[in-house]
Amino acid sequence: FSVYNYLLDITTWNKSTRRGFINIKITDHDGNTVESVMNSEASTFQRYKRVKILSGFNRDLEKISKISLTFSTKTLIGPKHKLRVLQMRLKSLNNPER
């Protein structure tokens, strides 16, 4: 079992602070899909502040055609909110040239 690590660098523009979890799904040109495996604590997203999140995938995809993010508060106390993304970058740590 090997893990392919990616670093998600995300900046949000919500007016108030949001706490929750990000799930990342990557799809290649052939339609193959992998989802992130993150067993971490909730991240805190503040307006115009960059957050870096390490995420792992059980396999690597060569030619990525689509990246999707899902924000969830899971079992955190409080109402559910959307996370408004201003900027996002997903960088492979195993293949930094990508």
PDB file of N, CA and C in Angstrom:
ATOM      1  N   PHE A   1       0.849  -1.175   0.000  1.00  0.00           N
ATOM      2  CA  PHE A   1       0.000   0.000   0.000  1.00  0.00           C
ATOM      3  C   PHE A   1       0.889   1.231   0.000  1.00  0.00           C
ATOM      4  N   SER A   2       0.821   2.001  -1.068  1.00  0.00           N
ATOM      5  CA  SER A   2       1.614   3.224  -1.132  1.00  0.00           C
ATOM      6  C   SER A   2       0.693   4.422  -1.253  1.00  0.00           C
ATOM      7  N   VAL A   3       1.181   5.544  -0.771  1.00  0.00           N
ATOM      8  CA  VAL A   3       0.382   6.761  -0.775  1.00  0.00           C
ATOM      9  C   VAL A   3       1.065   7.803  -1.648  1.00  0.00           C
ATOM     10  N   TYR A   4       0.294   8.443  -2.493  1.00  0.00           N
ATOM     11  CA  TYR A   4       0.775   9.538  -3.329  1.00  0.00           C
ATOM     12  C   TYR A   4       0.278  10.829  -2.694  1.00  0.00           C
ATOM     13  N   ASN A   5       1.214  11.649  -2.264  1.00  0.00           N
ATOM     14  CA  ASN A   5       0.874  12.848  -1.500  1.00  0.00           C
ATOM     15  C   ASN A   5       0.748  14.081  -2.387  1.00  0.00           C
ATOM     16  N   TYR A   6      -0.243  14.876  -2.062  1.00  0.00           N
ATOM     17  CA  TYR A   6      -0.469  16.158  -2.725  1.00  0.00           C
ATOM     18  C   TYR A   6      -0.625  17.218  -1.645  1.00  0.00           C
ATOM     19  N   LEU A   7      -0.219  18.429  -1.987  1.00  0.00           N
ATOM     20  CA  LEU A   7      -0.392  19.558  -1.095  1.00  0.00           C
ATOM     21  C   LEU A   7      -1.452  20.467  -1.704  1.00  0.00           C
ATOM     22  N   LEU A   8      -2.534  20.672  -0.967  1.00  0.00           N
ATOM     23  CA  LEU A   8      -3.598  21.568  -1.397  1.00  0.00           C
ATOM     24  C   LEU A   8      -3.349  22.924  -0.754  1.00  0.00           C
ATOM     25  N   ASP A   9      -3.189  23.930  -1.589  1.00  0.00           N
ATOM     26  CA  ASP A   9      -2.989  25.306  -1.137  1.00  0.00           C
ATOM     27  C   ASP A   9      -4.256  26.060  -1.537  1.00  0.00           C
ATOM     28  N   ILE A  10      -5.026  26.508  -0.553  1.00  0.00           N
ATOM     29  CA  ILE A  10      -6.345  27.071  -0.834  1.00  0.00           C
ATOM     30  C   ILE A  10      -6.532  28.392  -0.088  1.00  0.00           C
ATOM     31  N   THR A  11      -7.114  29.371  -0.779  1.00  0.00           N
ATOM     32  CA  THR A  11      -7.465  30.661  -0.185  1.00  0.00           C
ATOM     33  C   THR A  11      -8.961  30.849  -0.357  1.00  0.00           C
ATOM     34  N   THR A  12      -9.640  31.202   0.736  1.00  0.00           N
ATOM     35  CA  THR A  12     -11.098  31.365   0.689  1.00  0.00           C
ATOM     36  C   THR A  12     -11.474  32.822   0.918  1.00  0.00           C
ATOM     37  N   TRP A  13     -12.730  33.149   0.565  1.00  0.00           N
ATOM     38  CA  TRP A  13     -13.187  34.533   0.728  1.00  0.00           C
ATOM     39  C   TRP A  13     -14.515  34.647   1.454  1.00  0.00           C
ATOM     40  N   ASN A  14     -14.832  33.668   2.289  1.00  0.00           N
ATOM     41  CA  ASN A  14     -16.031  33.783   3.121  1.00  0.00           C
ATOM     42  C   ASN A  14     -15.873  34.955   4.088  1.00  0.00           C
ATOM     43  N   LYS A  15     -16.975  35.616   4.415  1.00  0.00           N
ATOM     44  CA  LYS A  15     -16.923  36.738   5.355  1.00  0.00           C
ATOM     45  C   LYS A  15     -16.545  36.288   6.754  1.00  0.00           C
ATOM     46  N   SER A  16     -17.049  35.127   7.174  1.00  0.00           N
ATOM     47  CA  SER A  16     -16.738  34.637   8.513  1.00  0.00           C
ATOM     48  C   SER A  16     -15.915  33.350   8.416  1.00  0.00           C
ATOM     49  N   THR A  17     -15.301  32.988   9.511  1.00  0.00           N
ATOM     50  CA  THR A  17     -14.443  31.809   9.586  1.00  0.00           C
ATOM     51  C   THR A  17     -15.264  30.535   9.426  1.00  0.00           C
ATOM     52  N   ARG A  18     -14.716  29.576   8.691  1.00  0.00           N
ATOM     53  CA  ARG A  18     -15.352  28.262   8.510  1.00  0.00           C
ATOM     54  C   ARG A  18     -14.388  27.196   9.008  1.00  0.00           C
ATOM     55  N   ARG A  19     -14.932  26.176   9.661  1.00  0.00           N
ATOM     56  CA  ARG A  19     -14.138  25.024  10.078  1.00  0.00           C
ATOM     57  C   ARG A  19     -14.749  23.779   9.462  1.00  0.00           C
ATOM     58  N   GLY A  20     -13.876  22.930   8.915  1.00  0.00           N
ATOM     59  CA  GLY A  20     -14.384  21.712   8.320  1.00  0.00           C
ATOM     60  C   GLY A  20     -13.299  20.912   7.630  1.00  0.00           C
ATOM     61  N   PHE A  21     -13.749  20.003   6.786  1.00  0.00           N
ATOM     62  CA  PHE A  21     -12.880  19.044   6.121  1.00  0.00           C
ATOM     63  C   PHE A  21     -13.032  19.173   4.610  1.00  0.00           C
ATOM     64  N   ILE A  22     -11.938  18.991   3.894  1.00  0.00           N
ATOM     65  CA  ILE A  22     -11.941  19.033   2.441  1.00  0.00           C
ATOM     66  C   ILE A  22     -11.689  17.618   1.924  1.00  0.00           C
ATOM     67  N   ASN A  23     -12.532  17.149   1.012  1.00  0.00           N
ATOM     68  CA  ASN A  23     -12.320  15.898   0.309  1.00  0.00           C
ATOM     69  C   ASN A  23     -11.973  16.256  -1.132  1.00  0.00           C
ATOM     70  N   ILE A  24     -10.927  15.636  -1.664  1.00  0.00           N
ATOM     71  CA  ILE A  24     -10.466  15.935  -3.022  1.00  0.00           C
ATOM     72  C   ILE A  24     -10.692  14.716  -3.896  1.00  0.00           C
ATOM     73  N   LYS A  25     -11.243  14.945  -5.073  1.00  0.00           N
ATOM     74  CA  LYS A  25     -11.438  13.867  -6.047  1.00  0.00           C
ATOM     75  C   LYS A  25     -10.723  14.279  -7.339  1.00  0.00           C
ATOM     76  N   ILE A  26      -9.881  13.376  -7.868  1.00  0.00           N
ATOM     77  CA  ILE A  26      -9.131  13.624  -9.095  1.00  0.00           C
ATOM     78  C   ILE A  26      -9.577  12.623 -10.147  1.00  0.00           C
ATOM     79  N   THR A  27      -9.825  13.122 -11.353  1.00  0.00           N
ATOM     80  CA  THR A  27     -10.236  12.282 -12.476  1.00  0.00           C
ATOM     81  C   THR A  27      -9.253  12.486 -13.630  1.00  0.00           C
ATOM     82  N   ASP A  28      -8.876  11.387 -14.297  1.00  0.00           N
ATOM     83  CA  ASP A  28      -7.986  11.518 -15.449  1.00  0.00           C
ATOM     84  C   ASP A  28      -8.775  11.500 -16.747  1.00  0.00           C
ATOM     85  N   HIS A  29      -8.067  11.584 -17.877  1.00  0.00           N
ATOM     86  CA  HIS A  29      -8.718  11.647 -19.195  1.00  0.00           C
ATOM     87  C   HIS A  29      -9.480  10.368 -19.550  1.00  0.00           C
ATOM     88  N   ASP A  30      -9.122   9.235 -18.927  1.00  0.00           N
ATOM     89  CA  ASP A  30      -9.793   7.966 -19.198  1.00  0.00           C
ATOM     90  C   ASP A  30     -10.997   7.726 -18.283  1.00  0.00           C
ATOM     91  N   GLY A  31     -11.258   8.656 -17.359  1.00  0.00           N
ATOM     92  CA  GLY A  31     -12.391   8.522 -16.454  1.00  0.00           C
ATOM     93  C   GLY A  31     -12.076   7.838 -15.134  1.00  0.00           C
ATOM     94  N   ASN A  32     -10.805   7.452 -14.924  1.00  0.00           N
ATOM     95  CA  ASN A  32     -10.401   6.865 -13.645  1.00  0.00           C
ATOM     96  C   ASN A  32     -10.432   7.937 -12.565  1.00  0.00           C
ATOM     97  N   THR A  33     -10.878   7.577 -11.367  1.00  0.00           N
ATOM     98  CA  THR A  33     -11.035   8.533 -10.283  1.00  0.00           C
ATOM     99  C   THR A  33     -10.385   8.016  -9.005  1.00  0.00           C
ATOM    100  N   VAL A  34      -9.725   8.932  -8.276  1.00  0.00           N
ATOM    101  CA  VAL A  34      -9.196   8.624  -6.942  1.00  0.00           C
ATOM    102  C   VAL A  34      -9.666   9.725  -6.004  1.00  0.00           C
ATOM    103  N   GLU A  35      -9.890   9.333  -4.739  1.00  0.00           N
ATOM    104  CA  GLU A  35     -10.315  10.299  -3.725  1.00  0.00           C
ATOM    105  C   GLU A  35      -9.269  10.368  -2.628  1.00  0.00           C
ATOM    106  N   SER A  36      -9.177  11.529  -2.012  1.00  0.00           N
ATOM    107  CA  SER A  36      -8.189  11.734  -0.958  1.00  0.00           C
ATOM    108  C   SER A  36      -8.518  10.915   0.275  1.00  0.00           C
ATOM    109  N   VAL A  37      -7.466  10.590   0.989  1.00  0.00           N
ATOM    110  CA  VAL A  37      -7.589   9.877   2.247  1.00  0.00           C
ATOM    111  C   VAL A  37      -6.993  10.797   3.308  1.00  0.00           C
ATOM    112  N   MET A  38      -7.856  11.508   4.044  1.00  0.00           N
ATOM    113  CA  MET A  38      -7.379  12.443   5.057  1.00  0.00           C
ATOM    114  C   MET A  38      -7.992  12.086   6.399  1.00  0.00           C
ATOM    115  N   ASN A  39      -7.144  11.778   7.339  1.00  0.00           N
ATOM    116  CA  ASN A  39      -7.584  11.493   8.694  1.00  0.00           C
ATOM    117  C   ASN A  39      -7.002  12.553   9.613  1.00  0.00           C
ATOM    118  N   SER A  40      -7.414  13.782   9.399  1.00  0.00           N
ATOM    119  CA  SER A  40      -6.857  14.874  10.184  1.00  0.00           C
ATOM    120  C   SER A  40      -7.970  15.622  10.911  1.00  0.00           C
ATOM    121  N   GLU A  41      -7.547  16.591  11.672  1.00  0.00           N
ATOM    122  CA  GLU A  41      -8.508  17.437  12.354  1.00  0.00           C
ATOM    123  C   GLU A  41      -9.083  18.448  11.368  1.00  0.00           C
ATOM    124  N   ALA A  42     -10.169  19.067  11.756  1.00  0.00           N
ATOM    125  CA  ALA A  42     -10.818  20.055  10.903  1.00  0.00           C
ATOM    126  C   ALA A  42      -9.870  21.217  10.644  1.00  0.00           C
ATOM    127  N   SER A  43      -9.895  21.728   9.427  1.00  0.00           N
ATOM    128  CA  SER A  43      -9.106  22.901   9.062  1.00  0.00           C
ATOM    129  C   SER A  43      -9.925  24.145   9.321  1.00  0.00           C
ATOM    130  N   THR A  44      -9.243  25.249   9.574  1.00  0.00           N
ATOM    131  CA  THR A  44      -9.896  26.530   9.784  1.00  0.00           C
ATOM    132  C   THR A  44      -9.628  27.406   8.572  1.00  0.00           C
ATOM    133  N   PHE A  45     -10.697  27.905   7.968  1.00  0.00           N
ATOM    134  CA  PHE A  45     -10.593  28.739   6.781  1.00  0.00           C
ATOM    135  C   PHE A  45     -11.060  30.149   7.131  1.00  0.00           C
ATOM    136  N   GLN A  46     -10.148  31.119   7.000  1.00  0.00           N
ATOM    137  CA  GLN A  46     -10.466  32.513   7.272  1.00  0.00           C
ATOM    138  C   GLN A  46     -10.396  33.301   5.982  1.00  0.00           C
ATOM    139  N   ARG A  47     -11.075  34.424   5.949  1.00  0.00           N
ATOM    140  CA  ARG A  47     -11.143  35.250   4.753  1.00  0.00           C
ATOM    141  C   ARG A  47      -9.749  35.695   4.316  1.00  0.00           C
ATOM    142  N   TYR A  48      -9.421  35.409   3.057  1.00  0.00           N
ATOM    143  CA  TYR A  48      -8.174  35.798   2.398  1.00  0.00           C
ATOM    144  C   TYR A  48      -6.923  35.219   3.046  1.00  0.00           C
ATOM    145  N   LYS A  49      -7.040  34.151   3.816  1.00  0.00           N
ATOM    146  CA  LYS A  49      -5.894  33.492   4.438  1.00  0.00           C
ATOM    147  C   LYS A  49      -5.654  32.162   3.735  1.00  0.00           C
ATOM    148  N   ARG A  50      -4.396  31.903   3.382  1.00  0.00           N
ATOM    149  CA  ARG A  50      -4.035  30.644   2.739  1.00  0.00           C
ATOM    150  C   ARG A  50      -3.973  29.522   3.765  1.00  0.00           C
ATOM    151  N   VAL A  51      -4.456  28.361   3.363  1.00  0.00           N
ATOM    152  CA  VAL A  51      -4.397  27.159   4.193  1.00  0.00           C
ATOM    153  C   VAL A  51      -3.747  26.066   3.354  1.00  0.00           C
ATOM    154  N   LYS A  52      -2.803  25.359   3.939  1.00  0.00           N
ATOM    155  CA  LYS A  52      -2.157  24.242   3.249  1.00  0.00           C
ATOM    156  C   LYS A  52      -2.586  22.948   3.920  1.00  0.00           C
ATOM    157  N   ILE A  53      -3.041  21.998   3.100  1.00  0.00           N
ATOM    158  CA  ILE A  53      -3.543  20.725   3.600  1.00  0.00           C
ATOM    159  C   ILE A  53      -2.825  19.597   2.865  1.00  0.00           C
ATOM    160  N   LEU A  54      -2.242  18.674   3.611  1.00  0.00           N
ATOM    161  CA  LEU A  54      -1.591  17.508   3.030  1.00  0.00           C
ATOM    162  C   LEU A  54      -2.641  16.419   2.836  1.00  0.00           C
ATOM    163  N   SER A  55      -2.712  15.886   1.633  1.00  0.00           N
ATOM    164  CA  SER A  55      -3.684  14.824   1.362  1.00  0.00           C
ATOM    165  C   SER A  55      -2.989  13.676   0.641  1.00  0.00           C
ATOM    166  N   GLY A  56      -3.482  12.479   0.866  1.00  0.00           N
ATOM    167  CA  GLY A  56      -2.896  11.299   0.260  1.00  0.00           C
ATOM    168  C   GLY A  56      -3.908  10.554  -0.597  1.00  0.00           C
ATOM    169  N   PHE A  57      -3.407   9.906  -1.632  1.00  0.00           N
ATOM    170  CA  PHE A  57      -4.224   9.107  -2.546  1.00  0.00           C
ATOM    171  C   PHE A  57      -3.600   7.722  -2.656  1.00  0.00           C
ATOM    172  N   ASN A  58      -4.431   6.692  -2.828  1.00  0.00           N
ATOM    173  CA  ASN A  58      -3.902   5.328  -2.871  1.00  0.00           C
ATOM    174  C   ASN A  58      -3.274   4.963  -4.210  1.00  0.00           C
ATOM    175  N   ARG A  59      -3.469   5.801  -5.240  1.00  0.00           N
ATOM    176  CA  ARG A  59      -2.776   5.601  -6.519  1.00  0.00           C
ATOM    177  C   ARG A  59      -2.627   6.944  -7.208  1.00  0.00           C
ATOM    178  N   ASP A  60      -1.745   6.962  -8.208  1.00  0.00           N
ATOM    179  CA  ASP A  60      -1.440   8.202  -8.913  1.00  0.00           C
ATOM    180  C   ASP A  60      -2.063   8.168 -10.297  1.00  0.00           C
ATOM    181  N   LEU A  61      -2.538   9.298 -10.739  1.00  0.00           N
ATOM    182  CA  LEU A  61      -3.083   9.424 -12.093  1.00  0.00           C
ATOM    183  C   LEU A  61      -2.163  10.330 -12.901  1.00  0.00           C
ATOM    184  N   GLU A  62      -1.858   9.926 -14.114  1.00  0.00           N
ATOM    185  CA  GLU A  62      -0.916  10.673 -14.952  1.00  0.00           C
ATOM    186  C   GLU A  62      -1.502  11.965 -15.506  1.00  0.00           C
ATOM    187  N   LYS A  63      -2.507  11.853 -16.325  1.00  0.00           N
ATOM    188  CA  LYS A  63      -3.062  13.021 -17.028  1.00  0.00           C
ATOM    189  C   LYS A  63      -4.384  13.430 -16.391  1.00  0.00           C
ATOM    190  N   ILE A  64      -4.314  14.374 -15.474  1.00  0.00           N
ATOM    191  CA  ILE A  64      -5.495  14.810 -14.737  1.00  0.00           C
ATOM    192  C   ILE A  64      -6.348  15.721 -15.600  1.00  0.00           C
ATOM    193  N   SER A  65      -7.644  15.430 -15.650  1.00  0.00           N
ATOM    194  CA  SER A  65      -8.556  16.256 -16.440  1.00  0.00           C
ATOM    195  C   SER A  65      -9.523  17.050 -15.568  1.00  0.00           C
ATOM    196  N   LYS A  66      -9.735  16.593 -14.313  1.00  0.00           N
ATOM    197  CA  LYS A  66     -10.718  17.250 -13.451  1.00  0.00           C
ATOM    198  C   LYS A  66     -10.334  17.077 -11.992  1.00  0.00           C
ATOM    199  N   ILE A  67     -10.476  18.164 -11.239  1.00  0.00           N
ATOM    200  CA  ILE A  67     -10.255  18.133  -9.795  1.00  0.00           C
ATOM    201  C   ILE A  67     -11.505  18.709  -9.144  1.00  0.00           C
ATOM    202  N   SER A  68     -12.073  17.999  -8.167  1.00  0.00           N
ATOM    203  CA  SER A  68     -13.234  18.535  -7.473  1.00  0.00           C
ATOM    204  C   SER A  68     -12.994  18.490  -5.962  1.00  0.00           C
ATOM    205  N   LEU A  69     -13.506  19.505  -5.293  1.00  0.00           N
ATOM    206  CA  LEU A  69     -13.387  19.612  -3.844  1.00  0.00           C
ATOM    207  C   LEU A  69     -14.767  19.542  -3.226  1.00  0.00           C
ATOM    208  N   THR A  70     -14.865  18.882  -2.087  1.00  0.00           N
ATOM    209  CA  THR A  70     -16.098  18.863  -1.315  1.00  0.00           C
ATOM    210  C   THR A  70     -15.753  19.325   0.089  1.00  0.00           C
ATOM    211  N   PHE A  71     -16.482  20.330   0.567  1.00  0.00           N
ATOM    212  CA  PHE A  71     -16.277  20.850   1.924  1.00  0.00           C
ATOM    213  C   PHE A  71     -17.383  20.313   2.811  1.00  0.00           C
ATOM    214  N   SER A  72     -17.003  19.809   3.983  1.00  0.00           N
ATOM    215  CA  SER A  72     -17.978  19.251   4.909  1.00  0.00           C
ATOM    216  C   SER A  72     -17.614  19.649   6.335  1.00  0.00           C
ATOM    217  N   THR A  73     -18.639  19.923   7.135  1.00  0.00           N
ATOM    218  CA  THR A  73     -18.403  20.195   8.547  1.00  0.00           C
ATOM    219  C   THR A  73     -18.501  18.910   9.362  1.00  0.00           C
ATOM    220  N   LYS A  74     -18.929  17.823   8.750  1.00  0.00           N
ATOM    221  CA  LYS A  74     -19.123  16.515   9.381  1.00  0.00           C
ATOM    222  C   LYS A  74     -19.868  16.653  10.697  1.00  0.00           C
ATOM    223  N   THR A  75     -19.210  16.307  11.801  1.00  0.00           N
ATOM    224  CA  THR A  75     -19.908  16.315  13.083  1.00  0.00           C
ATOM    225  C   THR A  75     -19.604  17.553  13.922  1.00  0.00           C
ATOM    226  N   LEU A  76     -19.025  18.569  13.309  1.00  0.00           N
ATOM    227  CA  LEU A  76     -18.763  19.792  14.067  1.00  0.00           C
ATOM    228  C   LEU A  76     -20.080  20.449  14.460  1.00  0.00           C
ATOM    229  N   ILE A  77     -20.093  21.065  15.611  1.00  0.00           N
ATOM    230  CA  ILE A  77     -21.298  21.743  16.086  1.00  0.00           C
ATOM    231  C   ILE A  77     -21.469  23.050  15.335  1.00  0.00           C
ATOM    232  N   GLY A  78     -22.684  23.336  14.939  1.00  0.00           N
ATOM    233  CA  GLY A  78     -22.981  24.583  14.242  1.00  0.00           C
ATOM    234  C   GLY A  78     -23.632  24.313  12.900  1.00  0.00           C
ATOM    235  N   PRO A  79     -24.117  25.365  12.251  1.00  0.00           N
ATOM    236  CA  PRO A  79     -24.798  25.195  10.969  1.00  0.00           C
ATOM    237  C   PRO A  79     -23.821  24.830   9.853  1.00  0.00           C
ATOM    238  N   LYS A  80     -24.356  24.228   8.808  1.00  0.00           N
ATOM    239  CA  LYS A  80     -23.550  23.885   7.641  1.00  0.00           C
ATOM    240  C   LYS A  80     -23.455  25.104   6.737  1.00  0.00           C
ATOM    241  N   HIS A  81     -22.267  25.310   6.166  1.00  0.00           N
ATOM    242  CA  HIS A  81     -22.014  26.464   5.316  1.00  0.00           C
ATOM    243  C   HIS A  81     -21.290  26.031   4.050  1.00  0.00           C
ATOM    244  N   LYS A  82     -21.312  26.898   3.066  1.00  0.00           N
ATOM    245  CA  LYS A  82     -20.510  26.726   1.864  1.00  0.00           C
ATOM    246  C   LYS A  82     -19.138  27.318   2.118  1.00  0.00           C
ATOM    247  N   LEU A  83     -18.169  26.846   1.374  1.00  0.00           N
ATOM    248  CA  LEU A  83     -16.826  27.393   1.435  1.00  0.00           C
ATOM    249  C   LEU A  83     -16.570  28.047   0.079  1.00  0.00           C
ATOM    250  N   ARG A  84     -16.364  29.331   0.079  1.00  0.00           N
ATOM    251  CA  ARG A  84     -16.135  30.072  -1.169  1.00  0.00           C
ATOM    252  C   ARG A  84     -14.632  30.140  -1.419  1.00  0.00           C
ATOM    253  N   VAL A  85     -14.208  29.554  -2.538  1.00  0.00           N
ATOM    254  CA  VAL A  85     -12.792  29.434  -2.861  1.00  0.00           C
ATOM    255  C   VAL A  85     -12.379  30.571  -3.785  1.00  0.00           C
ATOM    256  N   LEU A  86     -11.344  31.285  -3.391  1.00  0.00           N
ATOM    257  CA  LEU A  86     -10.796  32.361  -4.197  1.00  0.00           C
ATOM    258  C   LEU A  86      -9.678  31.839  -5.091  1.00  0.00           C
ATOM    259  N   GLN A  87      -8.839  30.998  -4.513  1.00  0.00           N
ATOM    260  CA  GLN A  87      -7.705  30.443  -5.250  1.00  0.00           C
ATOM    261  C   GLN A  87      -7.383  29.066  -4.717  1.00  0.00           C
ATOM    262  N   MET A  88      -6.950  28.155  -5.619  1.00  0.00           N
ATOM    263  CA  MET A  88      -6.621  26.806  -5.218  1.00  0.00           C
ATOM    264  C   MET A  88      -5.484  26.285  -6.076  1.00  0.00           C
ATOM    265  N   ARG A  89      -4.564  25.555  -5.453  1.00  0.00           N
ATOM    266  CA  ARG A  89      -3.492  24.890  -6.192  1.00  0.00           C
ATOM    267  C   ARG A  89      -3.282  23.524  -5.576  1.00  0.00           C
ATOM    268  N   LEU A  90      -3.213  22.502  -6.401  1.00  0.00           N
ATOM    269  CA  LEU A  90      -2.964  21.139  -5.948  1.00  0.00           C
ATOM    270  C   LEU A  90      -1.636  20.709  -6.550  1.00  0.00           C
ATOM    271  N   LYS A  91      -0.659  20.422  -5.694  1.00  0.00           N
ATOM    272  CA  LYS A  91       0.687  20.092  -6.168  1.00  0.00           C
ATOM    273  C   LYS A  91       1.081  18.701  -5.715  1.00  0.00           C
ATOM    274  N   SER A  92       1.567  17.902  -6.655  1.00  0.00           N
ATOM    275  CA  SER A  92       2.032  16.549  -6.339  1.00  0.00           C
ATOM    276  C   SER A  92       3.390  16.638  -5.644  1.00  0.00           C
ATOM    277  N   LEU A  93       3.506  15.988  -4.492  1.00  0.00           N
ATOM    278  CA  LEU A  93       4.782  15.949  -3.786  1.00  0.00           C
ATOM    279  C   LEU A  93       5.646  14.800  -4.269  1.00  0.00           C
ATOM    280  N   ASN A  94       5.025  13.759  -4.829  1.00  0.00           N
ATOM    281  CA  ASN A  94       5.764  12.628  -5.369  1.00  0.00           C
ATOM    282  C   ASN A  94       6.355  12.946  -6.743  1.00  0.00           C
ATOM    283  N   ASN A  95       5.660  13.795  -7.507  1.00  0.00           N
ATOM    284  CA  ASN A  95       6.097  14.207  -8.847  1.00  0.00           C
ATOM    285  C   ASN A  95       6.040  15.733  -8.931  1.00  0.00           C
ATOM    286  N   PRO A  96       7.013  16.439  -8.328  1.00  0.00           N
ATOM    287  CA  PRO A  96       6.946  17.898  -8.238  1.00  0.00           C
ATOM    288  C   PRO A  96       6.991  18.617  -9.591  1.00  0.00           C
ATOM    289  N   GLU A  97       7.432  17.930 -10.644  1.00  0.00           N
ATOM    290  CA  GLU A  97       7.479  18.574 -11.974  1.00  0.00           C
ATOM    291  C   GLU A  97       6.076  18.757 -12.572  1.00  0.00           C
ATOM    292  N   ARG A  98       5.070  18.078 -12.010  1.00  0.00           N
ATOM    293  CA  ARG A  98       3.706  18.232 -12.499  1.00  0.00           C
ATOM    294  C   ARG A  98       3.052  19.449 -11.911  1.00  0.00           C
TER     295      ARG A  98
END
